Amino acid sequence: MNDKFQGDDHITLTPYTSSVPYYFQATVASSSSMNDGGLPYNSSVCSFIVKVRRADGTTANSSGMVSNSTLNGNIMSVRLNYSTHLDEGLYCMTFVVTASVKGSTVLPLKKAFRFNRVYVER
């Protein structure tokens, strides 16, 4: 899959950090016989949600970390914020995408894309 997460460095949130833009583009396969995209050929993103958890698997209150999610075609964007509710450490964001496939009668496709690159410092 050639999905396009913005950059490849960690994003560090420190006290007073707010509204840091982050973009993710779900790529679509180039043809019905190719498996070169994160989504099937002829599909488009209908909606998405973002789930946040600590990268080590432990649960944590991530309240306030993600805000202002927007969708423009297959490009999803969110704003990341430091919150005093966040514990220090590495976090995993999962974009849960709902997509439709043109000409398909099946229910909308749901797919998750994960990355572990948001680090919170105190």
C-alpha atoms as a PDB file:
ATOM      1  CA  MET A   1       0.000   0.000   0.000  1.00  0.00           C
ATOM      2  CA  ASN A   2       1.235   3.441  -0.852  1.00  0.00           C
ATOM      3  CA  ASP A   3      -0.822   5.417   1.627  1.00  0.00           C
ATOM      4  CA  LYS A   4       0.622   8.806   2.284  1.00  0.00           C
ATOM      5  CA  PHE A   5       1.129   9.794   5.890  1.00  0.00           C
ATOM      6  CA  GLN A   6       2.536  13.279   6.213  1.00  0.00           C
ATOM      7  CA  GLY A   7       6.277  12.979   6.712  1.00  0.00           C
ATOM      8  CA  ASP A   8       8.061  10.213   8.583  1.00  0.00           C
ATOM      9  CA  ASP A   9       9.330  11.975  11.707  1.00  0.00           C
ATOM     10  CA  HIS A  10       7.750  11.932  15.136  1.00  0.00           C
ATOM     11  CA  ILE A  11       5.360  14.733  15.956  1.00  0.00           C
ATOM     12  CA  THR A  12       6.158  16.077  19.404  1.00  0.00           C
ATOM     13  CA  LEU A  13       3.502  17.792  21.484  1.00  0.00           C
ATOM     14  CA  THR A  14       4.766  19.910  24.378  1.00  0.00           C
ATOM     15  CA  PRO A  15       2.913  22.206  26.782  1.00  0.00           C
ATOM     16  CA  TYR A  16       1.158  25.021  24.930  1.00  0.00           C
ATOM     17  CA  THR A  17       1.367  23.210  21.580  1.00  0.00           C
ATOM     18  CA  SER A  18      -1.913  23.601  19.766  1.00  0.00           C
ATOM     19  CA  SER A  19      -3.499  23.139  16.371  1.00  0.00           C
ATOM     20  CA  VAL A  20      -0.602  21.248  14.738  1.00  0.00           C
ATOM     21  CA  PRO A  21      -1.911  20.129  11.317  1.00  0.00           C
ATOM     22  CA  TYR A  22      -1.538  16.496  10.308  1.00  0.00           C
ATOM     23  CA  TYR A  23      -2.607  15.081   6.936  1.00  0.00           C
ATOM     24  CA  PHE A  24      -3.211  11.548   5.719  1.00  0.00           C
ATOM     25  CA  GLN A  25      -4.122  10.543   2.165  1.00  0.00           C
ATOM     26  CA  ALA A  26      -5.678   7.150   1.485  1.00  0.00           C
ATOM     27  CA  THR A  27      -4.551   6.114  -1.972  1.00  0.00           C
ATOM     28  CA  VAL A  28      -6.840   4.250  -4.362  1.00  0.00           C
ATOM     29  CA  ALA A  29      -5.705   1.288  -6.495  1.00  0.00           C
ATOM     30  CA  SER A  30      -4.852   2.386 -10.051  1.00  0.00           C
ATOM     31  CA  SER A  31      -7.016  -0.314 -11.685  1.00  0.00           C
ATOM     32  CA  SER A  32      -9.324  -3.168 -10.767  1.00  0.00           C
ATOM     33  CA  SER A  33      -6.502  -5.652 -11.330  1.00  0.00           C
ATOM     34  CA  MET A  34      -3.878  -3.796  -9.263  1.00  0.00           C
ATOM     35  CA  ASN A  35      -3.248  -3.943  -5.527  1.00  0.00           C
ATOM     36  CA  ASP A  36      -1.283  -0.710  -5.377  1.00  0.00           C
ATOM     37  CA  GLY A  37      -3.508   1.382  -3.127  1.00  0.00           C
ATOM     38  CA  GLY A  38      -4.889   1.337   0.383  1.00  0.00           C
ATOM     39  CA  LEU A  39      -8.434   1.402  -1.001  1.00  0.00           C
ATOM     40  CA  PRO A  40      -9.980  -0.554  -3.885  1.00  0.00           C
ATOM     41  CA  TYR A  41     -10.153   0.840  -7.406  1.00  0.00           C
ATOM     42  CA  ASN A  42     -12.995   3.318  -7.972  1.00  0.00           C
ATOM     43  CA  SER A  43     -13.489   4.045  -4.272  1.00  0.00           C
ATOM     44  CA  SER A  44     -13.579   7.256  -2.301  1.00  0.00           C
ATOM     45  CA  VAL A  45     -13.497   8.174   1.367  1.00  0.00           C
ATOM     46  CA  CYS A  46     -16.948   9.026   2.757  1.00  0.00           C
ATOM     47  CA  SER A  47     -15.972   9.688   6.358  1.00  0.00           C
ATOM     48  CA  PHE A  48     -13.363   8.905   8.994  1.00  0.00           C
ATOM     49  CA  ILE A  49     -12.789   8.962  12.707  1.00  0.00           C
ATOM     50  CA  VAL A  50      -9.510   9.079  14.582  1.00  0.00           C
ATOM     51  CA  LYS A  51      -8.828   6.873  17.595  1.00  0.00           C
ATOM     52  CA  VAL A  52      -5.870   7.521  19.878  1.00  0.00           C
ATOM     53  CA  ARG A  53      -4.152   5.150  22.305  1.00  0.00           C
ATOM     54  CA  ARG A  54      -0.728   4.796  23.848  1.00  0.00           C
ATOM     55  CA  ALA A  55       1.688   2.977  21.545  1.00  0.00           C
ATOM     56  CA  ASP A  56       2.573   0.463  24.278  1.00  0.00           C
ATOM     57  CA  GLY A  57      -1.053  -0.702  24.322  1.00  0.00           C
ATOM     58  CA  THR A  58      -1.953   0.695  27.712  1.00  0.00           C
ATOM     59  CA  THR A  59      -5.064   2.787  27.921  1.00  0.00           C
ATOM     60  CA  ALA A  60      -4.701   6.483  28.491  1.00  0.00           C
ATOM     61  CA  ASN A  61      -6.913   9.511  28.501  1.00  0.00           C
ATOM     62  CA  SER A  62      -6.245  11.150  25.131  1.00  0.00           C
ATOM     63  CA  SER A  63      -8.994  13.718  25.564  1.00  0.00           C
ATOM     64  CA  GLY A  64      -8.307  16.899  23.634  1.00  0.00           C
ATOM     65  CA  MET A  65      -5.416  15.562  21.561  1.00  0.00           C
ATOM     66  CA  VAL A  66      -7.284  15.509  18.223  1.00  0.00           C
ATOM     67  CA  SER A  67      -9.554  18.298  17.031  1.00  0.00           C
ATOM     68  CA  ASN A  68     -10.956  19.821  13.851  1.00  0.00           C
ATOM     69  CA  SER A  69     -10.951  16.783  11.589  1.00  0.00           C
ATOM     70  CA  THR A  70     -11.717  17.585   7.942  1.00  0.00           C
ATOM     71  CA  LEU A  71     -12.071  15.590   4.732  1.00  0.00           C
ATOM     72  CA  ASN A  72     -11.173  16.847   1.256  1.00  0.00           C
ATOM     73  CA  GLY A  73     -11.482  14.049  -1.317  1.00  0.00           C
ATOM     74  CA  ASN A  74      -9.303  11.226   0.020  1.00  0.00           C
ATOM     75  CA  ILE A  75      -7.173  13.591   2.125  1.00  0.00           C
ATOM     76  CA  MET A  76      -7.998  13.580   5.823  1.00  0.00           C
ATOM     77  CA  SER A  77      -6.635  16.187   8.190  1.00  0.00           C
ATOM     78  CA  VAL A  78      -6.710  16.708  11.921  1.00  0.00           C
ATOM     79  CA  ARG A  79      -5.291  19.232  14.338  1.00  0.00           C
ATOM     80  CA  LEU A  80      -3.170  17.909  17.211  1.00  0.00           C
ATOM     81  CA  ASN A  81      -3.080  19.619  20.599  1.00  0.00           C
ATOM     82  CA  TYR A  82      -1.176  19.177  23.835  1.00  0.00           C
ATOM     83  CA  SER A  83      -3.471  18.470  26.752  1.00  0.00           C
ATOM     84  CA  THR A  84      -2.729  18.225  30.459  1.00  0.00           C
ATOM     85  CA  HIS A  85      -4.789  15.006  30.368  1.00  0.00           C
ATOM     86  CA  LEU A  86      -2.070  13.311  28.303  1.00  0.00           C
ATOM     87  CA  ASP A  87       0.607  11.170  29.908  1.00  0.00           C
ATOM     88  CA  GLU A  88       4.113  11.525  28.552  1.00  0.00           C
ATOM     89  CA  GLY A  89       5.020   8.963  25.888  1.00  0.00           C
ATOM     90  CA  LEU A  90       4.408   7.694  22.375  1.00  0.00           C
ATOM     91  CA  TYR A  91       0.844   7.560  21.036  1.00  0.00           C
ATOM     92  CA  CYS A  92      -0.736   5.669  18.163  1.00  0.00           C
ATOM     93  CA  MET A  93      -3.368   7.353  16.006  1.00  0.00           C
ATOM     94  CA  THR A  94      -5.690   5.138  13.972  1.00  0.00           C
ATOM     95  CA  PHE A  95      -7.647   6.598  11.087  1.00  0.00           C
ATOM     96  CA  VAL A  96     -10.783   4.455  10.707  1.00  0.00           C
ATOM     97  CA  VAL A  97     -11.945   5.177   7.166  1.00  0.00           C
ATOM     98  CA  THR A  98     -15.365   4.490   5.665  1.00  0.00           C
ATOM     99  CA  ALA A  99     -15.212   4.348   1.875  1.00  0.00           C
ATOM    100  CA  SER A 100     -17.666   3.691  -0.900  1.00  0.00           C
ATOM    101  CA  VAL A 101     -16.858   1.816  -4.082  1.00  0.00           C
ATOM    102  CA  LYS A 102     -18.516   3.120  -7.238  1.00  0.00           C
ATOM    103  CA  GLY A 103     -20.824   0.502  -8.764  1.00  0.00           C
ATOM    104  CA  SER A 104     -20.705  -1.749  -5.696  1.00  0.00           C
ATOM    105  CA  THR A 105     -23.801  -2.951  -3.896  1.00  0.00           C
ATOM    106  CA  VAL A 106     -21.913  -4.039  -0.776  1.00  0.00           C
ATOM    107  CA  LEU A 107     -22.010  -2.007   2.414  1.00  0.00           C
ATOM    108  CA  PRO A 108     -19.445   0.759   2.737  1.00  0.00           C
ATOM    109  CA  LEU A 109     -15.909  -0.493   3.254  1.00  0.00           C
ATOM    110  CA  LYS A 110     -14.259   0.225   6.622  1.00  0.00           C
ATOM    111  CA  LYS A 111     -10.481   0.151   6.899  1.00  0.00           C
ATOM    112  CA  ALA A 112      -8.017   1.227   9.593  1.00  0.00           C
ATOM    113  CA  PHE A 113      -4.676   2.944   9.000  1.00  0.00           C
ATOM    114  CA  ARG A 114      -2.311   3.245  12.004  1.00  0.00           C
ATOM    115  CA  PHE A 115       0.838   5.109  12.823  1.00  0.00           C
ATOM    116  CA  ASN A 116       2.893   5.448  16.045  1.00  0.00           C
ATOM    117  CA  ARG A 117       4.511   8.840  15.742  1.00  0.00           C
ATOM    118  CA  VAL A 118       2.943  11.301  18.155  1.00  0.00           C
ATOM    119  CA  TYR A 119       5.143  11.857  21.194  1.00  0.00           C
ATOM    120  CA  VAL A 120       3.937  13.848  24.195  1.00  0.00           C
ATOM    121  CA  GLU A 121       6.525  15.596  26.394  1.00  0.00           C
ATOM    122  CA  ARG A 122       5.900  17.352  29.672  1.00  0.00           C
END
